[in-house]
N, C-alpha and C. Protein backbone atom coordinates (compact mmCIF):
# COMPACT_ATOMS: atom_id res chain seq x y z
N MET A 1 63.79 193.71 222.42
CA MET A 1 64.81 193.53 223.45
C MET A 1 64.22 193.68 224.84
N LYS A 2 63.31 194.63 225.00
CA LYS A 2 62.67 194.84 226.30
C LYS A 2 61.94 193.59 226.75
N ALA A 3 61.31 192.88 225.79
CA ALA A 3 60.60 191.65 226.13
C ALA A 3 61.57 190.57 226.62
N ILE A 4 62.74 190.50 225.99
CA ILE A 4 63.75 189.51 226.41
C ILE A 4 64.23 189.81 227.82
N LEU A 5 64.51 191.07 228.09
CA LEU A 5 64.96 191.47 229.43
C LEU A 5 63.89 191.18 230.48
N GLY A 6 62.65 191.43 230.09
CA GLY A 6 61.55 191.16 231.02
C GLY A 6 61.39 189.68 231.29
N SER A 7 61.56 188.87 230.25
CA SER A 7 61.41 187.41 230.42
C SER A 7 62.49 186.84 231.33
N GLN A 8 63.63 187.51 231.42
CA GLN A 8 64.72 187.05 232.29
C GLN A 8 64.70 187.76 233.65
N ASP A 9 63.63 188.51 233.89
CA ASP A 9 63.41 189.18 235.18
C ASP A 9 64.54 190.17 235.53
N VAL A 10 65.03 190.86 234.50
CA VAL A 10 66.09 191.85 234.75
C VAL A 10 65.72 193.24 234.25
N TRP A 11 64.50 193.39 233.71
CA TRP A 11 64.12 194.69 233.16
C TRP A 11 64.10 195.77 234.23
N ASP A 12 63.69 195.42 235.44
CA ASP A 12 63.57 196.40 236.51
C ASP A 12 64.91 197.08 236.79
N ILE A 13 65.97 196.30 236.80
CA ILE A 13 67.27 196.89 237.11
C ILE A 13 67.82 197.68 235.93
N VAL A 14 67.44 197.28 234.70
CA VAL A 14 67.82 198.04 233.51
C VAL A 14 67.12 199.40 233.52
N ASP A 15 65.85 199.37 233.88
CA ASP A 15 65.04 200.59 233.85
C ASP A 15 65.40 201.55 234.98
N LYS A 16 65.58 201.03 236.17
CA LYS A 16 65.80 201.89 237.34
C LYS A 16 67.26 201.96 237.78
N GLY A 17 68.04 200.95 237.42
CA GLY A 17 69.44 200.91 237.85
C GLY A 17 69.55 200.60 239.34
N TYR A 18 70.71 200.80 239.88
CA TYR A 18 70.91 200.59 241.32
C TYR A 18 71.93 201.60 241.83
N THR A 19 71.86 201.86 243.11
CA THR A 19 72.76 202.85 243.74
C THR A 19 74.04 202.18 244.20
N LYS A 20 75.16 202.70 243.72
CA LYS A 20 76.45 202.16 244.14
C LYS A 20 76.84 202.80 245.47
N PRO A 21 77.26 202.00 246.44
CA PRO A 21 77.66 202.56 247.75
C PRO A 21 78.94 203.38 247.62
N PHE A 22 79.01 204.44 248.41
CA PHE A 22 80.19 205.31 248.39
C PHE A 22 81.41 204.58 248.91
N ASN A 23 81.21 203.78 249.95
CA ASN A 23 82.33 203.04 250.56
C ASN A 23 81.85 201.64 250.90
N GLU A 24 82.29 200.66 250.11
CA GLU A 24 81.83 199.29 250.32
C GLU A 24 82.36 198.68 251.61
N GLU A 25 83.45 199.20 252.09
CA GLU A 25 84.06 198.62 253.31
C GLU A 25 83.20 198.82 254.54
N THR A 26 82.30 199.80 254.47
CA THR A 26 81.45 200.08 255.64
C THR A 26 80.17 199.26 255.63
N LEU A 27 79.96 198.46 254.60
CA LEU A 27 78.73 197.69 254.49
C LEU A 27 78.76 196.50 255.44
N SER A 28 77.58 196.16 255.91
CA SER A 28 77.46 194.96 256.73
C SER A 28 77.50 193.75 255.81
N SER A 29 77.61 192.57 256.39
CA SER A 29 77.68 191.35 255.59
C SER A 29 76.41 191.16 254.76
N ASN A 30 75.25 191.48 255.37
CA ASN A 30 73.99 191.34 254.64
C ASN A 30 73.91 192.34 253.48
N GLU A 31 74.31 193.59 253.75
CA GLU A 31 74.29 194.61 252.71
C GLU A 31 75.25 194.26 251.57
N ASN A 32 76.39 193.69 251.94
CA ASN A 32 77.38 193.31 250.94
C ASN A 32 76.85 192.16 250.07
N GLU A 33 76.13 191.24 250.69
CA GLU A 33 75.54 190.12 249.96
C GLU A 33 74.47 190.61 248.97
N VAL A 34 73.65 191.56 249.42
CA VAL A 34 72.63 192.14 248.54
C VAL A 34 73.28 192.86 247.36
N LEU A 35 74.37 193.57 247.64
CA LEU A 35 75.07 194.31 246.59
C LEU A 35 75.63 193.35 245.54
N LEU A 36 76.21 192.25 246.01
CA LEU A 36 76.77 191.26 245.08
C LEU A 36 75.68 190.67 244.17
N LYS A 37 74.52 190.36 244.77
CA LYS A 37 73.41 189.80 243.99
C LYS A 37 72.91 190.83 242.96
N THR A 38 72.84 192.09 243.39
CA THR A 38 72.38 193.15 242.50
C THR A 38 73.33 193.33 241.33
N ARG A 39 74.64 193.33 241.63
CA ARG A 39 75.63 193.48 240.57
C ARG A 39 75.59 192.31 239.60
N LYS A 40 75.39 191.12 240.13
CA LYS A 40 75.32 189.93 239.29
C LYS A 40 74.12 190.02 238.34
N LYS A 41 73.00 190.49 238.88
CA LYS A 41 71.79 190.64 238.07
C LYS A 41 71.99 191.72 237.01
N ASP A 42 72.66 192.80 237.38
CA ASP A 42 72.92 193.88 236.45
C ASP A 42 73.84 193.42 235.32
N GLN A 43 74.86 192.64 235.66
CA GLN A 43 75.77 192.15 234.63
C GLN A 43 75.08 191.14 233.70
N GLN A 44 74.15 190.38 234.28
CA GLN A 44 73.36 189.47 233.45
C GLN A 44 72.54 190.27 232.43
N ALA A 45 71.94 191.36 232.89
CA ALA A 45 71.16 192.22 232.01
C ALA A 45 72.05 192.85 230.93
N LEU A 46 73.24 193.31 231.33
CA LEU A 46 74.17 193.92 230.39
C LEU A 46 74.60 192.92 229.32
N THR A 47 74.83 191.68 229.74
CA THR A 47 75.20 190.61 228.79
C THR A 47 74.08 190.36 227.78
N LEU A 48 72.84 190.34 228.26
CA LEU A 48 71.70 190.14 227.37
C LEU A 48 71.59 191.27 226.34
N ILE A 49 71.83 192.50 226.80
CA ILE A 49 71.80 193.64 225.89
C ILE A 49 72.86 193.49 224.81
N HIS A 50 74.08 193.13 225.24
CA HIS A 50 75.17 192.93 224.28
C HIS A 50 74.82 191.87 223.24
N GLN A 51 74.17 190.80 223.66
CA GLN A 51 73.85 189.70 222.76
C GLN A 51 72.80 190.08 221.71
N CYS A 52 72.03 191.11 221.99
CA CYS A 52 70.97 191.53 221.07
C CYS A 52 71.44 192.56 220.04
N LEU A 53 72.70 193.00 220.14
CA LEU A 53 73.17 194.10 219.30
C LEU A 53 74.06 193.60 218.16
N ASP A 54 74.02 194.34 217.04
CA ASP A 54 74.98 194.07 215.98
C ASP A 54 76.30 194.77 216.32
N ASP A 55 77.30 194.58 215.47
CA ASP A 55 78.64 195.12 215.78
C ASP A 55 78.63 196.63 215.92
N GLY A 56 77.86 197.31 215.03
CA GLY A 56 77.84 198.77 215.06
C GLY A 56 77.25 199.31 216.35
N MET A 57 76.13 198.73 216.80
CA MET A 57 75.50 199.18 218.03
C MET A 57 76.29 198.74 219.26
N PHE A 58 76.94 197.58 219.19
CA PHE A 58 77.73 197.11 220.32
C PHE A 58 78.86 198.08 220.65
N GLU A 59 79.47 198.65 219.61
CA GLU A 59 80.56 199.61 219.84
C GLU A 59 80.10 200.82 220.65
N LYS A 60 78.83 201.19 220.51
CA LYS A 60 78.31 202.35 221.22
C LYS A 60 78.21 202.11 222.73
N VAL A 61 77.96 200.86 223.11
CA VAL A 61 77.74 200.56 224.54
C VAL A 61 78.88 199.75 225.15
N ASP A 62 79.94 199.56 224.39
CA ASP A 62 81.04 198.70 224.85
C ASP A 62 81.65 199.21 226.15
N ASP A 63 81.68 200.52 226.36
CA ASP A 63 82.31 201.08 227.56
C ASP A 63 81.33 201.23 228.72
N ALA A 64 80.06 200.93 228.52
CA ALA A 64 79.07 201.05 229.60
C ALA A 64 79.35 200.00 230.67
N THR A 65 79.28 200.41 231.93
CA THR A 65 79.57 199.48 233.03
C THR A 65 78.32 198.91 233.68
N THR A 66 77.15 199.51 233.40
CA THR A 66 75.90 199.00 233.96
C THR A 66 74.87 198.86 232.83
N SER A 67 73.88 198.04 233.08
CA SER A 67 72.84 197.83 232.07
C SER A 67 72.02 199.10 231.84
N LYS A 68 71.80 199.89 232.89
CA LYS A 68 71.04 201.13 232.75
C LYS A 68 71.79 202.12 231.86
N GLU A 69 73.10 202.20 232.08
CA GLU A 69 73.92 203.11 231.26
C GLU A 69 73.88 202.68 229.80
N ALA A 70 74.00 201.39 229.55
CA ALA A 70 73.96 200.89 228.18
C ALA A 70 72.60 201.17 227.53
N TRP A 71 71.54 200.97 228.30
CA TRP A 71 70.19 201.18 227.77
C TRP A 71 69.96 202.66 227.41
N GLU A 72 70.45 203.56 228.24
CA GLU A 72 70.28 204.99 227.97
C GLU A 72 71.06 205.41 226.73
N ILE A 73 72.25 204.81 226.53
CA ILE A 73 73.03 205.10 225.32
C ILE A 73 72.26 204.64 224.08
N LEU A 74 71.67 203.45 224.16
CA LEU A 74 70.90 202.92 223.04
C LEU A 74 69.68 203.80 222.74
N GLN A 75 68.99 204.23 223.78
CA GLN A 75 67.82 205.08 223.59
C GLN A 75 68.19 206.39 222.88
N ASN A 76 69.27 207.00 223.32
CA ASN A 76 69.72 208.26 222.70
C ASN A 76 70.11 208.05 221.24
N SER A 77 70.76 206.92 220.97
CA SER A 77 71.17 206.61 219.60
C SER A 77 69.95 206.38 218.71
N LEU A 78 68.97 205.64 219.23
CA LEU A 78 67.77 205.33 218.46
C LEU A 78 66.90 206.56 218.23
N GLN A 79 66.94 207.50 219.17
CA GLN A 79 66.20 208.75 218.96
C GLN A 79 66.74 209.50 217.76
N GLY A 80 68.08 209.47 217.63
CA GLY A 80 68.70 210.09 216.46
C GLY A 80 68.31 209.38 215.18
N VAL A 81 68.26 208.03 215.23
CA VAL A 81 67.86 207.23 214.08
C VAL A 81 66.41 207.53 213.72
N ASP A 82 65.56 207.62 214.74
CA ASP A 82 64.14 207.91 214.52
C ASP A 82 63.95 209.27 213.85
N LYS A 83 64.76 210.25 214.26
CA LYS A 83 64.66 211.59 213.68
C LYS A 83 65.00 211.55 212.20
N VAL A 84 66.08 210.85 211.86
CA VAL A 84 66.49 210.71 210.46
C VAL A 84 65.40 209.99 209.67
N LYS A 85 64.82 208.94 210.29
CA LYS A 85 63.76 208.17 209.65
C LYS A 85 62.54 209.04 209.35
N LYS A 86 62.16 209.90 210.30
CA LYS A 86 61.00 210.77 210.11
C LYS A 86 61.24 211.75 208.97
N ILE A 87 62.46 212.30 208.91
CA ILE A 87 62.79 213.25 207.83
C ILE A 87 62.74 212.54 206.48
N LYS A 88 63.30 211.34 206.41
CA LYS A 88 63.29 210.56 205.16
C LYS A 88 61.87 210.23 204.75
N LEU A 89 61.04 209.86 205.72
CA LEU A 89 59.64 209.54 205.43
C LEU A 89 58.89 210.76 204.87
N GLN A 90 59.14 211.91 205.46
CA GLN A 90 58.49 213.13 204.98
C GLN A 90 58.87 213.42 203.53
N THR A 91 60.14 213.21 203.20
CA THR A 91 60.61 213.43 201.83
C THR A 91 59.96 212.45 200.87
N LEU A 92 59.91 211.18 201.27
CA LEU A 92 59.32 210.15 200.41
C LEU A 92 57.82 210.37 200.22
N ARG A 93 57.14 210.79 201.28
CA ARG A 93 55.70 211.08 201.16
C ARG A 93 55.45 212.21 200.17
N ALA A 94 56.29 213.24 200.24
CA ALA A 94 56.17 214.36 199.31
C ALA A 94 56.44 213.90 197.88
N ASP A 95 57.47 213.07 197.70
CA ASP A 95 57.80 212.53 196.37
C ASP A 95 56.62 211.73 195.82
N PHE A 96 56.00 210.95 196.68
CA PHE A 96 54.86 210.12 196.26
C PHE A 96 53.69 210.98 195.80
N GLU A 97 53.42 212.04 196.54
CA GLU A 97 52.26 212.88 196.23
C GLU A 97 52.43 213.68 194.94
N VAL A 98 53.65 214.18 194.67
CA VAL A 98 53.85 215.04 193.50
C VAL A 98 54.20 214.26 192.23
N LEU A 99 54.43 212.97 192.37
CA LEU A 99 54.85 212.17 191.21
C LEU A 99 53.76 212.12 190.15
N LYS A 100 54.11 212.47 188.93
CA LYS A 100 53.18 212.41 187.80
C LYS A 100 53.92 211.92 186.56
N ILE A 101 53.16 211.36 185.64
CA ILE A 101 53.78 210.86 184.42
C ILE A 101 54.28 212.02 183.57
N LYS A 102 55.44 211.85 182.94
CA LYS A 102 55.98 212.87 182.05
C LYS A 102 55.34 212.75 180.67
N GLU A 103 55.39 213.83 179.91
CA GLU A 103 54.69 213.90 178.63
C GLU A 103 55.12 212.77 177.69
N THR A 104 56.42 212.48 177.64
CA THR A 104 56.93 211.48 176.70
C THR A 104 57.23 210.15 177.39
N GLU A 105 56.81 210.01 178.65
CA GLU A 105 57.15 208.82 179.42
C GLU A 105 56.16 207.69 179.16
N SER A 106 56.66 206.47 179.11
CA SER A 106 55.79 205.32 178.92
C SER A 106 55.14 204.92 180.24
N ILE A 107 54.06 204.17 180.13
CA ILE A 107 53.38 203.66 181.33
C ILE A 107 54.33 202.82 182.16
N SER A 108 55.10 201.99 181.50
CA SER A 108 56.03 201.10 182.19
C SER A 108 57.06 201.87 183.00
N ASP A 109 57.65 202.91 182.38
CA ASP A 109 58.68 203.69 183.07
C ASP A 109 58.09 204.47 184.25
N PHE A 110 56.90 205.03 184.04
CA PHE A 110 56.28 205.80 185.13
C PHE A 110 55.94 204.90 186.31
N CYS A 111 55.35 203.75 186.05
CA CYS A 111 54.98 202.83 187.13
C CYS A 111 56.22 202.31 187.87
N SER A 112 57.30 202.14 187.14
CA SER A 112 58.55 201.71 187.78
C SER A 112 59.07 202.79 188.72
N ARG A 113 58.98 204.06 188.29
CA ARG A 113 59.40 205.17 189.16
C ARG A 113 58.54 205.25 190.41
N LEU A 114 57.24 205.11 190.21
CA LEU A 114 56.33 205.21 191.36
C LEU A 114 56.54 204.07 192.34
N MET A 115 56.68 202.85 191.83
CA MET A 115 56.85 201.70 192.72
C MET A 115 58.19 201.72 193.45
N ALA A 116 59.18 202.39 192.87
CA ALA A 116 60.46 202.55 193.57
C ALA A 116 60.26 203.38 194.83
N VAL A 117 59.44 204.45 194.72
CA VAL A 117 59.13 205.28 195.89
C VAL A 117 58.27 204.50 196.89
N VAL A 118 57.30 203.75 196.38
CA VAL A 118 56.42 202.94 197.25
C VAL A 118 57.24 201.93 198.04
N ASN A 119 58.17 201.27 197.39
CA ASN A 119 58.99 200.26 198.07
C ASN A 119 59.89 200.89 199.13
N GLN A 120 60.38 202.09 198.87
CA GLN A 120 61.18 202.80 199.88
C GLN A 120 60.31 203.16 201.09
N LEU A 121 59.09 203.61 200.83
CA LEU A 121 58.16 203.93 201.93
C LEU A 121 57.89 202.69 202.78
N ARG A 122 57.69 201.57 202.12
CA ARG A 122 57.42 200.32 202.84
C ARG A 122 58.63 199.88 203.67
N ARG A 123 59.82 200.12 203.15
CA ARG A 123 61.03 199.78 203.91
C ARG A 123 61.14 200.61 205.19
N TYR A 124 60.57 201.81 205.16
CA TYR A 124 60.54 202.66 206.35
C TYR A 124 59.26 202.45 207.16
N GLU A 125 58.60 201.32 206.89
CA GLU A 125 57.42 200.88 207.65
C GLU A 125 56.20 201.78 207.45
N GLU A 126 56.16 202.48 206.31
CA GLU A 126 54.97 203.24 205.94
C GLU A 126 54.00 202.29 205.24
N GLU A 127 52.76 202.29 205.68
CA GLU A 127 51.77 201.38 205.09
C GLU A 127 51.25 201.96 203.78
N VAL A 128 51.65 201.33 202.68
CA VAL A 128 51.18 201.72 201.34
C VAL A 128 50.61 200.47 200.69
N ASP A 129 49.29 200.28 200.79
CA ASP A 129 48.69 199.08 200.20
C ASP A 129 48.45 199.27 198.71
N ASP A 130 48.03 198.20 198.04
CA ASP A 130 47.84 198.26 196.59
C ASP A 130 46.75 199.24 196.19
N VAL A 131 45.72 199.39 197.02
CA VAL A 131 44.64 200.33 196.70
C VAL A 131 45.18 201.75 196.60
N ARG A 132 46.01 202.13 197.55
CA ARG A 132 46.60 203.48 197.54
C ARG A 132 47.49 203.67 196.33
N ALA A 133 48.29 202.66 195.99
CA ALA A 133 49.20 202.77 194.84
C ALA A 133 48.40 202.82 193.53
N VAL A 134 47.36 201.99 193.43
CA VAL A 134 46.52 201.96 192.23
C VAL A 134 45.85 203.32 192.01
N GLU A 135 45.27 203.88 193.06
CA GLU A 135 44.60 205.18 192.96
C GLU A 135 45.59 206.28 192.57
N LYS A 136 46.79 206.19 193.13
CA LYS A 136 47.82 207.18 192.80
C LYS A 136 48.20 207.12 191.33
N ILE A 137 48.37 205.92 190.81
CA ILE A 137 48.74 205.77 189.40
C ILE A 137 47.65 206.36 188.50
N LEU A 138 46.40 206.03 188.79
CA LEU A 138 45.29 206.48 187.94
C LEU A 138 45.14 207.99 187.91
N ARG A 139 45.37 208.64 189.06
CA ARG A 139 45.20 210.10 189.09
C ARG A 139 46.46 210.84 188.65
N SER A 140 47.51 210.11 188.34
CA SER A 140 48.78 210.76 187.97
C SER A 140 49.07 210.67 186.48
N LEU A 141 48.14 210.06 185.72
CA LEU A 141 48.35 209.92 184.29
C LEU A 141 48.00 211.21 183.56
N ALA A 142 48.54 211.38 182.38
CA ALA A 142 48.28 212.57 181.56
C ALA A 142 46.85 212.53 181.00
N PRO A 143 46.30 213.70 180.60
CA PRO A 143 44.92 213.74 180.06
C PRO A 143 44.69 212.79 178.89
N LYS A 144 45.72 212.51 178.11
CA LYS A 144 45.54 211.63 176.95
C LYS A 144 45.18 210.20 177.37
N PHE A 145 45.37 209.89 178.66
CA PHE A 145 45.02 208.57 179.16
C PHE A 145 43.66 208.55 179.86
N ASP A 146 42.92 209.67 179.79
CA ASP A 146 41.66 209.77 180.53
C ASP A 146 40.68 208.66 180.15
N TYR A 147 40.57 208.38 178.86
CA TYR A 147 39.60 207.36 178.45
C TYR A 147 40.02 205.98 178.97
N MET A 148 41.33 205.76 179.07
CA MET A 148 41.81 204.50 179.62
C MET A 148 41.44 204.37 181.09
N VAL A 149 41.61 205.49 181.83
CA VAL A 149 41.29 205.50 183.26
C VAL A 149 39.81 205.21 183.46
N CYS A 150 38.98 205.87 182.67
CA CYS A 150 37.52 205.67 182.78
C CYS A 150 37.15 204.22 182.48
N ALA A 151 37.76 203.66 181.46
CA ALA A 151 37.46 202.28 181.08
C ALA A 151 37.84 201.31 182.19
N ILE A 152 38.99 201.55 182.79
CA ILE A 152 39.46 200.68 183.87
C ILE A 152 38.59 200.82 185.11
N GLU A 153 38.24 202.07 185.44
CA GLU A 153 37.41 202.31 186.63
C GLU A 153 36.03 201.69 186.48
N GLU A 154 35.50 201.68 185.25
CA GLU A 154 34.16 201.13 185.02
C GLU A 154 34.15 199.61 184.97
N SER A 155 35.25 199.02 184.54
CA SER A 155 35.26 197.57 184.32
C SER A 155 35.96 196.79 185.43
N LYS A 156 36.66 197.48 186.32
CA LYS A 156 37.44 196.78 187.35
C LYS A 156 37.00 197.22 188.75
N ASP A 157 37.22 196.32 189.71
CA ASP A 157 37.00 196.64 191.12
C ASP A 157 38.33 197.12 191.69
N LEU A 158 38.48 198.43 191.83
CA LEU A 158 39.77 199.00 192.23
C LEU A 158 40.18 198.59 193.64
N ASP A 159 39.20 198.32 194.51
CA ASP A 159 39.51 197.94 195.89
C ASP A 159 40.21 196.59 195.99
N SER A 160 40.04 195.76 194.98
CA SER A 160 40.67 194.44 195.01
C SER A 160 41.73 194.29 193.92
N MET A 161 41.99 195.37 193.19
CA MET A 161 42.97 195.29 192.11
C MET A 161 44.39 195.40 192.63
N MET A 162 45.26 194.54 192.13
CA MET A 162 46.69 194.61 192.46
C MET A 162 47.38 195.54 191.47
N VAL A 163 48.50 196.11 191.90
CA VAL A 163 49.25 197.04 191.04
C VAL A 163 49.63 196.37 189.73
N GLU A 164 50.06 195.11 189.80
CA GLU A 164 50.48 194.39 188.59
C GLU A 164 49.33 194.27 187.59
N GLN A 165 48.10 194.05 188.10
CA GLN A 165 46.94 193.96 187.21
C GLN A 165 46.68 195.29 186.52
N LEU A 166 46.76 196.38 187.30
CA LEU A 166 46.54 197.71 186.72
C LEU A 166 47.57 198.02 185.65
N VAL A 167 48.83 197.76 185.95
CA VAL A 167 49.90 198.04 184.99
C VAL A 167 49.68 197.23 183.71
N GLY A 168 49.27 195.98 183.87
CA GLY A 168 49.00 195.15 182.70
C GLY A 168 47.90 195.73 181.84
N SER A 169 46.81 196.20 182.47
CA SER A 169 45.70 196.81 181.73
C SER A 169 46.14 198.09 181.03
N LEU A 170 46.90 198.91 181.73
CA LEU A 170 47.37 200.17 181.15
C LEU A 170 48.30 199.93 179.96
N LEU A 171 49.18 198.93 180.09
CA LEU A 171 50.09 198.62 178.99
C LEU A 171 49.33 198.14 177.77
N ALA A 172 48.26 197.35 177.99
CA ALA A 172 47.44 196.88 176.87
C ALA A 172 46.76 198.05 176.17
N HIS A 173 46.22 198.99 176.95
CA HIS A 173 45.59 200.18 176.38
C HIS A 173 46.61 201.05 175.65
N GLU A 174 47.79 201.17 176.24
CA GLU A 174 48.85 201.98 175.63
C GLU A 174 49.25 201.40 174.27
N GLU A 175 49.31 200.09 174.19
CA GLU A 175 49.66 199.43 172.94
C GLU A 175 48.60 199.69 171.87
N LYS A 176 47.32 199.69 172.29
CA LYS A 176 46.24 200.00 171.34
C LYS A 176 46.36 201.42 170.82
N MET A 177 46.73 202.35 171.72
CA MET A 177 46.91 203.75 171.31
C MET A 177 48.02 203.86 170.26
N LYS A 178 49.09 203.14 170.47
CA LYS A 178 50.21 203.19 169.53
C LYS A 178 49.79 202.67 168.16
N ARG A 179 49.01 201.56 168.18
CA ARG A 179 48.59 200.97 166.91
C ARG A 179 47.65 201.93 166.15
N ARG A 180 46.78 202.61 166.90
CA ARG A 180 45.87 203.56 166.25
C ARG A 180 46.61 204.73 165.61
N LYS A 181 47.71 205.15 166.26
CA LYS A 181 48.51 206.23 165.70
C LYS A 181 49.28 205.76 164.46
N GLU A 182 49.71 204.49 164.51
CA GLU A 182 50.51 203.97 163.41
C GLU A 182 49.67 203.67 162.18
N GLU A 183 48.40 203.29 162.36
CA GLU A 183 47.55 202.92 161.23
C GLU A 183 47.37 204.04 160.22
N PRO A 184 47.02 205.28 160.65
CA PRO A 184 46.89 206.37 159.66
C PRO A 184 48.18 206.63 158.91
N LEU A 185 49.31 206.50 159.61
CA LEU A 185 50.60 206.73 158.95
C LEU A 185 50.85 205.67 157.89
N GLU A 186 50.51 204.42 158.22
CA GLU A 186 50.69 203.33 157.26
C GLU A 186 49.80 203.55 156.04
N LYS A 187 48.55 203.98 156.29
CA LYS A 187 47.64 204.24 155.18
C LYS A 187 48.16 205.36 154.30
N LEU A 188 48.70 206.41 154.93
CA LEU A 188 49.24 207.53 154.18
C LEU A 188 50.41 207.09 153.31
N LEU A 189 51.31 206.28 153.88
CA LEU A 189 52.46 205.79 153.12
C LEU A 189 52.02 204.91 151.95
N LYS A 190 51.00 204.06 152.21
CA LYS A 190 50.49 203.21 151.13
C LYS A 190 49.87 204.04 150.03
N THR A 191 49.14 205.09 150.43
CA THR A 191 48.51 205.97 149.45
C THR A 191 49.56 206.69 148.60
N GLN A 192 50.61 207.17 149.28
CA GLN A 192 51.69 207.86 148.55
C GLN A 192 52.40 206.90 147.59
N ALA A 193 52.60 205.66 148.06
CA ALA A 193 53.27 204.68 147.22
C ALA A 193 52.41 204.35 146.00
N SER A 194 51.11 204.22 146.22
CA SER A 194 50.20 203.91 145.11
C SER A 194 50.16 205.05 144.11
N PHE A 195 50.17 206.28 144.63
CA PHE A 195 50.14 207.46 143.77
C PHE A 195 51.40 207.52 142.89
N LYS A 196 52.54 207.19 143.50
CA LYS A 196 53.79 207.21 142.73
C LYS A 196 53.78 206.17 141.63
N VAL A 197 53.22 204.99 141.96
CA VAL A 197 53.13 203.93 140.95
C VAL A 197 52.22 204.37 139.81
N PHE A 198 51.10 204.99 140.21
CA PHE A 198 50.13 205.47 139.20
C PHE A 198 50.76 206.53 138.30
N GLU A 199 51.49 207.46 138.90
CA GLU A 199 52.15 208.52 138.13
C GLU A 199 53.21 207.92 137.20
N GLY A 200 53.88 206.87 137.70
CA GLY A 200 54.88 206.24 136.87
C GLY A 200 54.28 205.55 135.66
N GLU A 201 53.12 204.92 135.87
CA GLU A 201 52.44 204.24 134.77
C GLU A 201 51.96 205.25 133.74
N LYS A 202 51.45 206.41 134.20
CA LYS A 202 50.99 207.44 133.29
C LYS A 202 52.16 207.95 132.44
N SER A 203 53.27 208.14 133.11
CA SER A 203 54.45 208.66 132.41
C SER A 203 54.93 207.68 131.35
N TYR A 204 54.88 206.37 131.73
CA TYR A 204 55.34 205.34 130.80
C TYR A 204 54.45 205.27 129.57
N LYS A 205 53.11 205.33 129.83
CA LYS A 205 52.17 205.27 128.71
C LYS A 205 52.30 206.49 127.84
N GLY A 206 52.52 207.63 128.45
CA GLY A 206 52.66 208.87 127.67
C GLY A 206 53.86 208.80 126.74
N ASN A 207 54.96 208.26 127.24
CA ASN A 207 56.17 208.16 126.43
C ASN A 207 55.96 207.17 125.28
N GLY A 208 55.13 206.14 125.53
CA GLY A 208 54.88 205.15 124.49
C GLY A 208 54.07 205.74 123.38
C-alpha cells in the first residue's frame, strides 16, 4: 500500500499529515487556496487507502477524516495482528521441534502430522524448505527405524531430496518390515498345521 501511495505522490501527506487552521475565515486568499489543494490531496490519499482494504479493515478506518489518521489506525491494528502472528509462530515452532513418531504410529500418519505443522508454518511465512522437513522426519523416527534411516542417508542425497521422495522410501522400507514380521508367523502356522495333519494320520493308522 505504501508503494501505491508513493506512486500517486501522496505518501508525504499520509506520513506527516497537515495542520488544520484554527479559524479559516482569517486566512488570506493564497493561504485558503493552499489549504484547499492540501485537503484535496489528503482526500485522494484517504480514497486510495480505502480502495486497498477489505471490508473488515475498512470498518476500522471508516470514521477517519484524514489519511494520516486512517494510516495510524491501520498501523495499530496491524501491530496487534503481528503480535498474534508471533505468538502463533512460536507455538508452531515448538510443535515442530518436539514432534516425534508414536510407538504404534505408521510412517504415513506421522508424516501427515508433521507436514500439517509445516504447512501452517509456511502460511505464517516461516521458511521451511524440504531439506529442513526431511532432516526433521529422519531424526524423529523411533529406534526400530534406525537401519532404514542409515540406508536412506547412505543411498540418497538429502540436500536435493523432496519430502514426497523420502516418504515413499520410508513407506517401502516399512512394508518390508511388515513382511518380515509376517513371514515367521506364516511359517509357524504352516508348521502347526502340518503337525496336526501328521498327528491325525498317526491316530488314523493306529486305529486301523
